Amino acid sequence: MTIRRAGLGRRLVDRALQEARFSGAAAVSIGIIAELRDWYRRIGFVEAETRRFDQLPFEVEFLRYDL
């Protein structure tokens, strides 16, 4: 059984954003593997910064979602 494309990731993000709103946050910021940025952009996150860390084999994309 595969759970890919079942909408679970989107539901988790929606729930996290809902909790952030309820807590009075103005925005949510995340750091992700840069290759995943397109998925988060489709949800409404915007790019803040891309960085490379010596200890990681990938770039880290920092994104922001204004509530």
Protein backbone atom coordinates (compact mmCIF):
# COMPACT_ATOMS: atom_id res chain seq x y z
CA MET A 1 0.00 0.00 0.00
CA THR A 2 1.33 3.45 -0.87
CA ILE A 3 0.35 6.65 0.86
CA ARG A 4 2.01 9.04 -1.57
CA ARG A 5 -0.31 11.58 -3.11
CA ALA A 6 -2.99 10.86 -0.52
CA GLY A 7 -2.97 14.47 0.72
CA LEU A 8 -1.47 13.65 4.11
CA GLY A 9 1.37 16.16 3.82
CA ARG A 10 -1.00 18.94 2.89
CA ARG A 11 -3.30 18.10 5.79
CA LEU A 12 -0.37 18.17 8.21
CA VAL A 13 0.78 21.57 6.94
CA ASP A 14 -2.77 22.93 7.05
CA ARG A 15 -3.11 21.76 10.66
CA ALA A 16 0.23 23.34 11.64
CA LEU A 17 -0.81 26.64 10.04
CA GLN A 18 -4.18 26.46 11.81
CA GLU A 19 -2.45 25.93 15.17
CA ALA A 20 -0.06 28.82 14.46
CA ARG A 21 -3.00 31.13 13.68
CA PHE A 22 -4.81 30.01 16.83
CA SER A 23 -1.67 30.74 18.86
CA GLY A 24 -1.52 34.27 17.46
CA ALA A 25 1.51 33.82 15.20
CA ALA A 26 1.96 36.30 12.36
CA ALA A 27 3.93 33.88 10.17
CA VAL A 28 5.44 30.41 9.98
CA SER A 29 9.02 29.86 8.84
CA ILE A 30 10.49 26.52 7.85
CA GLY A 31 13.81 25.16 6.67
CA ILE A 32 13.58 22.29 4.18
CA ILE A 33 15.68 20.34 1.71
CA ALA A 34 15.81 22.77 -1.22
CA GLU A 35 14.61 20.13 -3.68
CA LEU A 36 11.19 20.14 -1.96
CA ARG A 37 10.61 23.89 -2.36
CA ASP A 38 8.12 23.60 -5.25
CA TRP A 39 5.65 21.61 -3.16
CA TYR A 40 5.70 24.23 -0.40
CA ARG A 41 5.46 27.09 -2.89
CA ARG A 42 2.25 25.58 -4.29
CA ILE A 43 0.81 25.75 -0.77
CA GLY A 44 1.70 29.43 -0.46
CA PHE A 45 5.12 29.55 1.19
CA VAL A 46 7.57 32.09 -0.23
CA GLU A 47 11.33 31.84 -0.43
CA ALA A 48 13.27 33.72 2.22
CA GLU A 49 16.80 32.36 1.80
CA THR A 50 18.83 29.39 0.54
CA ARG A 51 21.90 28.30 2.48
CA ARG A 52 24.49 25.59 2.33
CA PHE A 53 25.76 24.02 5.54
CA ASP A 54 29.10 22.18 5.51
CA GLN A 55 27.70 19.25 7.48
CA LEU A 56 24.73 18.66 5.13
CA PRO A 57 24.86 17.12 1.64
CA PHE A 58 22.04 19.37 0.36
CA GLU A 59 21.03 23.03 0.29
CA VAL A 60 18.54 24.22 2.88
CA GLU A 61 15.71 26.43 1.67
CA PHE A 62 14.11 28.71 4.23
CA LEU A 63 10.51 29.54 3.43
CA ARG A 64 7.89 31.73 5.06
CA TYR A 65 4.10 31.66 5.15
CA ASP A 66 2.40 34.86 6.32
CA LEU A 67 -0.78 34.15 8.25
